[in-house]
């Protein structure tokens, strides 16, 4: 299965390409004037440290020199891995010139929306059992 989702807020919208690889998930998030790959996160589900009955996730991140997408990629991969109980790889590359602090907040908000859209699409019966 492969699909694309997009935010539609009218400001700092993002796209995500999603592909199932066996039972694992590969997600590419991009947006802005010059999409690219700026960071890669790999997350694995695990029992929560606070409550072993709850699934959480741990991620490792590689951030390319001069890029700042590491937090976005890490957060998205951990949410998806814990919700889907599978290994998740997220790449992220987003660029708008002179992005303000409020613009960065909107990008992060939109990335959360992308994750919700991905989970809803997969829960629609076409993907992983969540």
N, C-alpha and C. Protein backbone atom coordinates (compact mmCIF):
# COMPACT_ATOMS: atom_id res chain seq x y z
N UNK A 1 0.84 -1.18 0.00
CA UNK A 1 0.00 0.00 0.00
C UNK A 1 0.88 1.23 0.00
N UNK A 2 0.46 2.22 -0.76
CA UNK A 2 1.18 3.48 -0.84
C UNK A 2 0.16 4.60 -1.05
N UNK A 3 0.35 5.72 -0.32
CA UNK A 3 -0.56 6.86 -0.47
C UNK A 3 0.14 8.14 -0.02
N UNK A 4 -0.49 9.26 -0.34
CA UNK A 4 0.01 10.57 0.05
C UNK A 4 -1.10 11.31 0.79
N UNK A 5 -0.68 12.05 1.82
CA UNK A 5 -1.62 12.93 2.53
C UNK A 5 -1.02 14.33 2.54
N UNK A 6 -1.90 15.32 2.74
CA UNK A 6 -1.46 16.72 2.75
C UNK A 6 -2.30 17.52 3.73
N UNK A 7 -1.66 18.42 4.44
CA UNK A 7 -2.43 19.34 5.28
C UNK A 7 -3.04 20.40 4.38
N UNK A 8 -4.09 21.03 4.86
CA UNK A 8 -4.79 22.03 4.06
C UNK A 8 -5.18 23.21 4.94
N UNK A 9 -4.19 23.79 5.59
CA UNK A 9 -4.46 24.92 6.47
C UNK A 9 -4.28 26.25 5.76
N UNK A 10 -3.62 26.21 4.60
CA UNK A 10 -3.36 27.44 3.86
C UNK A 10 -2.08 28.13 4.28
N UNK A 11 -1.41 27.60 5.29
CA UNK A 11 -0.17 28.21 5.75
C UNK A 11 0.80 27.11 6.17
N UNK A 12 1.96 27.07 5.52
CA UNK A 12 3.00 26.10 5.81
C UNK A 12 2.49 24.66 5.73
N UNK A 13 1.73 24.38 4.66
CA UNK A 13 1.20 23.04 4.48
C UNK A 13 2.31 22.06 4.13
N UNK A 14 2.11 20.82 4.56
CA UNK A 14 3.09 19.75 4.38
C UNK A 14 2.45 18.58 3.65
N UNK A 15 3.30 17.79 2.98
CA UNK A 15 2.90 16.56 2.33
C UNK A 15 3.61 15.40 3.01
N UNK A 16 3.00 14.22 2.93
CA UNK A 16 3.67 13.00 3.41
C UNK A 16 3.35 11.88 2.44
N UNK A 17 4.40 11.22 1.99
CA UNK A 17 4.26 10.00 1.21
C UNK A 17 4.42 8.83 2.16
N UNK A 18 3.51 7.89 2.10
CA UNK A 18 3.47 6.78 3.04
C UNK A 18 3.51 5.47 2.27
N UNK A 19 4.35 4.55 2.75
CA UNK A 19 4.44 3.24 2.09
C UNK A 19 4.60 2.16 3.14
N UNK A 20 3.77 1.12 3.02
CA UNK A 20 3.95 -0.05 3.86
C UNK A 20 5.05 -0.90 3.27
N UNK A 21 5.96 -1.34 4.12
CA UNK A 21 7.04 -2.24 3.72
C UNK A 21 6.88 -3.47 4.60
N UNK A 22 6.17 -4.47 4.09
CA UNK A 22 5.76 -5.58 4.94
C UNK A 22 4.81 -5.02 5.99
N UNK A 23 5.13 -5.22 7.26
CA UNK A 23 4.33 -4.66 8.35
C UNK A 23 4.92 -3.35 8.87
N UNK A 24 6.03 -2.91 8.31
CA UNK A 24 6.68 -1.67 8.74
C UNK A 24 6.20 -0.50 7.89
N UNK A 25 6.55 0.72 8.34
CA UNK A 25 6.04 1.92 7.68
C UNK A 25 7.20 2.84 7.31
N UNK A 26 7.15 3.36 6.09
CA UNK A 26 8.13 4.31 5.59
C UNK A 26 7.37 5.59 5.23
N UNK A 27 7.77 6.72 5.83
CA UNK A 27 7.07 7.99 5.62
C UNK A 27 8.08 9.07 5.21
N UNK A 28 7.78 9.79 4.16
CA UNK A 28 8.58 10.95 3.75
C UNK A 28 7.71 12.19 3.92
N UNK A 29 8.21 13.15 4.71
CA UNK A 29 7.49 14.40 4.94
C UNK A 29 8.27 15.52 4.26
N UNK A 30 7.57 16.35 3.48
CA UNK A 30 8.24 17.45 2.81
C UNK A 30 7.32 18.65 2.73
N UNK A 31 7.92 19.80 2.45
CA UNK A 31 7.14 21.01 2.27
C UNK A 31 8.03 22.20 2.04
N UNK A 32 7.40 23.28 1.64
CA UNK A 32 8.13 24.53 1.47
C UNK A 32 8.62 24.76 0.07
N UNK A 33 9.55 25.70 0.00
CA UNK A 33 10.08 26.15 -1.29
C UNK A 33 11.12 25.20 -1.87
N UNK A 34 11.81 24.46 -1.00
CA UNK A 34 12.84 23.53 -1.45
C UNK A 34 12.79 22.24 -0.63
N UNK A 35 11.84 21.34 -0.95
CA UNK A 35 11.78 20.07 -0.22
C UNK A 35 13.09 19.29 -0.40
N UNK A 36 13.44 18.49 0.59
CA UNK A 36 14.70 17.76 0.57
C UNK A 36 14.65 16.70 1.68
N UNK A 37 15.76 16.05 1.93
CA UNK A 37 15.88 15.16 3.09
C UNK A 37 16.86 15.83 4.05
N UNK A 38 16.35 16.25 5.19
CA UNK A 38 17.17 16.94 6.19
C UNK A 38 17.41 16.10 7.42
N UNK A 39 16.51 15.16 7.71
CA UNK A 39 16.67 14.29 8.87
C UNK A 39 15.94 12.98 8.62
N UNK A 40 16.43 11.94 9.28
CA UNK A 40 15.83 10.62 9.20
C UNK A 40 15.70 10.07 10.61
N UNK A 41 14.52 9.57 10.95
CA UNK A 41 14.30 8.96 12.26
C UNK A 41 13.79 7.54 12.08
N UNK A 42 14.29 6.64 12.93
CA UNK A 42 13.83 5.25 12.95
C UNK A 42 13.30 4.98 14.35
N UNK A 43 12.04 4.59 14.45
CA UNK A 43 11.43 4.33 15.76
C UNK A 43 10.98 2.88 15.86
N UNK A 44 11.17 2.33 17.07
CA UNK A 44 10.72 0.98 17.38
C UNK A 44 9.74 1.04 18.53
N UNK A 45 8.66 0.28 18.46
CA UNK A 45 7.74 0.24 19.60
C UNK A 45 8.37 -0.53 20.75
N UNK A 46 7.96 -0.18 21.97
CA UNK A 46 8.42 -0.85 23.18
C UNK A 46 7.42 -0.61 24.29
N UNK A 47 7.45 -1.41 25.35
CA UNK A 47 6.58 -1.12 26.49
C UNK A 47 6.96 0.21 27.13
N UNK A 48 5.97 0.97 27.53
CA UNK A 48 6.21 2.25 28.19
C UNK A 48 6.99 2.04 29.47
N UNK A 49 7.88 2.97 29.79
CA UNK A 49 8.65 2.89 31.03
C UNK A 49 7.76 3.16 32.24
N UNK A 50 6.69 3.95 32.05
CA UNK A 50 5.77 4.26 33.15
C UNK A 50 4.75 3.16 33.37
N UNK A 51 4.28 2.56 32.28
CA UNK A 51 3.26 1.53 32.36
C UNK A 51 3.52 0.50 31.27
N UNK A 52 4.10 -0.65 31.61
CA UNK A 52 4.45 -1.66 30.60
C UNK A 52 3.27 -2.17 29.78
N UNK A 53 2.03 -1.90 30.21
CA UNK A 53 0.86 -2.31 29.45
C UNK A 53 0.59 -1.37 28.28
N UNK A 54 1.26 -0.22 28.27
CA UNK A 54 1.09 0.79 27.22
C UNK A 54 2.28 0.71 26.26
N UNK A 55 2.00 0.81 24.96
CA UNK A 55 3.06 0.80 23.96
C UNK A 55 3.58 2.21 23.76
N UNK A 56 4.88 2.35 23.85
CA UNK A 56 5.56 3.61 23.57
C UNK A 56 6.53 3.34 22.43
N UNK A 57 7.49 4.23 22.21
CA UNK A 57 8.48 4.00 21.15
C UNK A 57 9.77 4.74 21.48
N UNK A 58 10.85 4.23 20.94
CA UNK A 58 12.16 4.85 21.05
C UNK A 58 12.67 5.10 19.64
N UNK A 59 13.25 6.28 19.41
CA UNK A 59 13.73 6.62 18.07
C UNK A 59 15.19 7.02 18.08
N UNK A 60 15.84 6.73 16.98
CA UNK A 60 17.18 7.22 16.70
C UNK A 60 17.08 8.14 15.49
N UNK A 61 17.86 9.23 15.51
CA UNK A 61 17.74 10.25 14.48
C UNK A 61 19.10 10.58 13.89
N UNK A 62 19.12 10.75 12.58
CA UNK A 62 20.29 11.30 11.88
C UNK A 62 19.83 12.62 11.28
N UNK A 63 20.53 13.69 11.61
CA UNK A 63 20.19 15.01 11.08
C UNK A 63 21.36 15.48 10.22
N UNK A 64 21.08 15.84 8.99
CA UNK A 64 22.13 16.31 8.11
C UNK A 64 22.61 17.68 8.56
N UNK A 65 23.87 17.95 8.30
CA UNK A 65 24.52 19.19 8.72
C UNK A 65 23.72 20.40 8.27
N UNK A 66 23.42 21.28 9.23
CA UNK A 66 22.72 22.52 8.93
C UNK A 66 21.21 22.39 8.86
N UNK A 67 20.68 21.22 9.14
CA UNK A 67 19.23 21.01 9.06
C UNK A 67 18.63 20.94 10.45
N UNK A 68 17.32 21.20 10.53
CA UNK A 68 16.65 21.27 11.82
C UNK A 68 15.37 20.44 11.87
N UNK A 69 15.26 19.47 10.99
CA UNK A 69 14.04 18.65 10.95
C UNK A 69 14.08 17.48 11.92
N UNK A 70 15.13 17.37 12.74
CA UNK A 70 15.29 16.21 13.61
C UNK A 70 14.15 16.04 14.60
N UNK A 71 13.70 17.10 15.24
CA UNK A 71 12.61 16.99 16.22
C UNK A 71 11.31 16.57 15.55
N UNK A 72 11.03 17.10 14.39
CA UNK A 72 9.82 16.75 13.66
C UNK A 72 9.85 15.27 13.28
N UNK A 73 10.95 14.80 12.71
CA UNK A 73 11.06 13.41 12.27
C UNK A 73 10.96 12.46 13.47
N UNK A 74 11.62 12.80 14.57
CA UNK A 74 11.60 11.96 15.77
C UNK A 74 10.20 11.86 16.33
N UNK A 75 9.53 12.99 16.49
CA UNK A 75 8.18 12.99 17.06
C UNK A 75 7.22 12.18 16.19
N UNK A 76 7.26 12.40 14.88
CA UNK A 76 6.35 11.68 13.98
C UNK A 76 6.62 10.17 14.03
N UNK A 77 7.88 9.79 14.01
CA UNK A 77 8.20 8.35 14.01
C UNK A 77 7.78 7.68 15.31
N UNK A 78 7.96 8.36 16.43
CA UNK A 78 7.59 7.76 17.72
C UNK A 78 6.07 7.61 17.86
N UNK A 79 5.32 8.62 17.45
CA UNK A 79 3.86 8.53 17.53
C UNK A 79 3.36 7.39 16.64
N UNK A 80 3.85 7.32 15.42
CA UNK A 80 3.40 6.28 14.50
C UNK A 80 3.81 4.89 14.98
N UNK A 81 5.05 4.73 15.45
CA UNK A 81 5.52 3.42 15.91
C UNK A 81 4.72 2.93 17.12
N UNK A 82 4.44 3.83 18.06
CA UNK A 82 3.69 3.40 19.23
C UNK A 82 2.22 3.12 18.89
N UNK A 83 1.63 3.92 18.02
CA UNK A 83 0.22 3.71 17.65
C UNK A 83 0.04 2.45 16.82
N UNK A 84 1.01 2.16 15.95
CA UNK A 84 0.88 1.03 15.03
C UNK A 84 1.60 -0.22 15.50
N UNK A 85 2.40 -0.08 16.56
CA UNK A 85 3.19 -1.20 17.11
C UNK A 85 4.05 -1.85 16.03
N UNK A 86 4.76 -1.01 15.30
CA UNK A 86 5.64 -1.50 14.24
C UNK A 86 6.82 -0.54 14.07
N UNK A 87 7.84 -0.98 13.38
CA UNK A 87 8.99 -0.13 13.07
C UNK A 87 8.58 0.92 12.04
N UNK A 88 9.03 2.16 12.28
CA UNK A 88 8.68 3.27 11.39
C UNK A 88 9.94 4.07 11.07
N UNK A 89 10.11 4.40 9.80
CA UNK A 89 11.16 5.31 9.35
C UNK A 89 10.48 6.56 8.80
N UNK A 90 10.95 7.73 9.27
CA UNK A 90 10.42 9.00 8.78
C UNK A 90 11.58 9.84 8.26
N UNK A 91 11.47 10.32 7.03
CA UNK A 91 12.39 11.33 6.53
C UNK A 91 11.64 12.66 6.51
N UNK A 92 12.37 13.74 6.76
CA UNK A 92 11.74 15.05 6.75
C UNK A 92 12.67 16.06 6.10
N UNK A 93 12.11 16.89 5.25
CA UNK A 93 12.87 17.95 4.60
C UNK A 93 11.95 19.09 4.22
N UNK A 94 12.02 20.15 4.99
CA UNK A 94 11.09 21.27 4.86
C UNK A 94 11.89 22.56 4.82
N UNK A 95 11.54 23.46 3.89
CA UNK A 95 12.28 24.73 3.86
C UNK A 95 11.41 25.86 3.34
N UNK A 96 11.29 26.89 4.16
CA UNK A 96 10.76 28.19 3.75
C UNK A 96 11.82 29.20 4.15
N UNK A 97 12.14 30.15 3.27
CA UNK A 97 13.09 31.20 3.62
C UNK A 97 12.56 32.04 4.77
N UNK A 98 13.45 32.40 5.68
CA UNK A 98 13.14 33.31 6.79
C UNK A 98 11.91 32.88 7.59
N UNK A 99 11.83 31.62 7.94
CA UNK A 99 10.70 31.10 8.71
C UNK A 99 10.74 31.67 10.13
N UNK A 100 9.66 32.29 10.54
CA UNK A 100 9.57 32.93 11.87
C UNK A 100 9.30 31.87 12.94
N UNK A 101 9.48 32.22 14.21
CA UNK A 101 9.12 31.28 15.27
C UNK A 101 7.66 30.81 15.20
N UNK A 102 6.75 31.71 14.86
CA UNK A 102 5.35 31.30 14.73
C UNK A 102 5.17 30.38 13.51
N UNK A 103 5.96 30.60 12.47
CA UNK A 103 5.93 29.71 11.31
C UNK A 103 6.42 28.32 11.67
N UNK A 104 7.46 28.26 12.49
CA UNK A 104 7.97 26.96 12.95
C UNK A 104 6.90 26.24 13.75
N UNK A 105 6.20 26.97 14.61
CA UNK A 105 5.09 26.38 15.38
C UNK A 105 4.03 25.81 14.46
N UNK A 106 3.69 26.53 13.40
CA UNK A 106 2.67 26.07 12.45
C UNK A 106 3.15 24.82 11.71
N UNK A 107 4.42 24.79 11.33
CA UNK A 107 4.98 23.60 10.67
C UNK A 107 4.86 22.39 11.60
N UNK A 108 5.21 22.56 12.87
CA UNK A 108 5.12 21.45 13.83
C UNK A 108 3.66 21.02 14.02
N UNK A 109 2.76 21.99 14.08
CA UNK A 109 1.33 21.67 14.20
C UNK A 109 0.87 20.89 12.98
N UNK A 110 1.28 21.33 11.80
CA UNK A 110 0.90 20.64 10.57
C UNK A 110 1.50 19.24 10.50
N UNK A 111 2.69 19.05 11.04
CA UNK A 111 3.27 17.70 11.04
C UNK A 111 2.45 16.78 11.93
N UNK A 112 1.95 17.29 13.04
CA UNK A 112 1.06 16.49 13.88
C UNK A 112 -0.22 16.14 13.15
N UNK A 113 -0.74 17.07 12.38
CA UNK A 113 -1.93 16.81 11.57
C UNK A 113 -1.65 15.72 10.53
N UNK A 114 -0.46 15.76 9.92
CA UNK A 114 -0.09 14.72 8.95
C UNK A 114 -0.11 13.34 9.60
N UNK A 115 0.44 13.25 10.80
CA UNK A 115 0.47 11.97 11.52
C UNK A 115 -0.96 11.49 11.76
N UNK A 116 -1.85 12.39 12.18
CA UNK A 116 -3.25 12.02 12.38
C UNK A 116 -3.89 11.53 11.08
N UNK A 117 -3.60 12.22 9.97
CA UNK A 117 -4.14 11.81 8.67
C UNK A 117 -3.64 10.42 8.28
N UNK A 118 -2.37 10.16 8.54
CA UNK A 118 -1.79 8.84 8.23
C UNK A 118 -2.49 7.76 9.05
N UNK A 119 -2.64 8.00 10.35
CA UNK A 119 -3.28 7.01 11.22
C UNK A 119 -4.73 6.77 10.81
N UNK A 120 -5.46 7.83 10.46
CA UNK A 120 -6.84 7.67 10.01
C UNK A 120 -6.91 6.86 8.73
N UNK A 121 -6.02 7.14 7.81
CA UNK A 121 -6.02 6.41 6.53
C UNK A 121 -5.71 4.93 6.75
N UNK A 122 -4.76 4.64 7.61
CA UNK A 122 -4.41 3.24 7.88
C UNK A 122 -5.52 2.52 8.66
N UNK A 123 -6.22 3.26 9.49
CA UNK A 123 -7.31 2.66 10.26
C UNK A 123 -8.54 2.39 9.40
N UNK A 124 -8.54 2.94 8.19
CA UNK A 124 -9.67 2.77 7.29
C UNK A 124 -9.83 1.37 6.74
N UNK A 125 -9.04 0.43 7.25
CA UNK A 125 -9.18 -0.96 6.82
C UNK A 125 -8.26 -1.34 5.69
N UNK A 126 -7.45 -0.38 5.23
CA UNK A 126 -6.55 -0.70 4.11
C UNK A 126 -5.12 -0.95 4.55
N UNK A 127 -4.83 -0.80 5.85
CA UNK A 127 -3.45 -0.90 6.27
C UNK A 127 -3.28 -1.80 7.48
N UNK A 128 -2.42 -1.38 8.37
CA UNK A 128 -2.11 -2.13 9.56
C UNK A 128 -3.30 -2.18 10.49
N UNK A 129 -3.37 -3.18 11.32
CA UNK A 129 -4.42 -3.26 12.34
C UNK A 129 -4.02 -2.37 13.51
N UNK A 130 -4.76 -1.27 13.69
CA UNK A 130 -4.47 -0.37 14.81
C UNK A 130 -5.70 -0.23 15.68
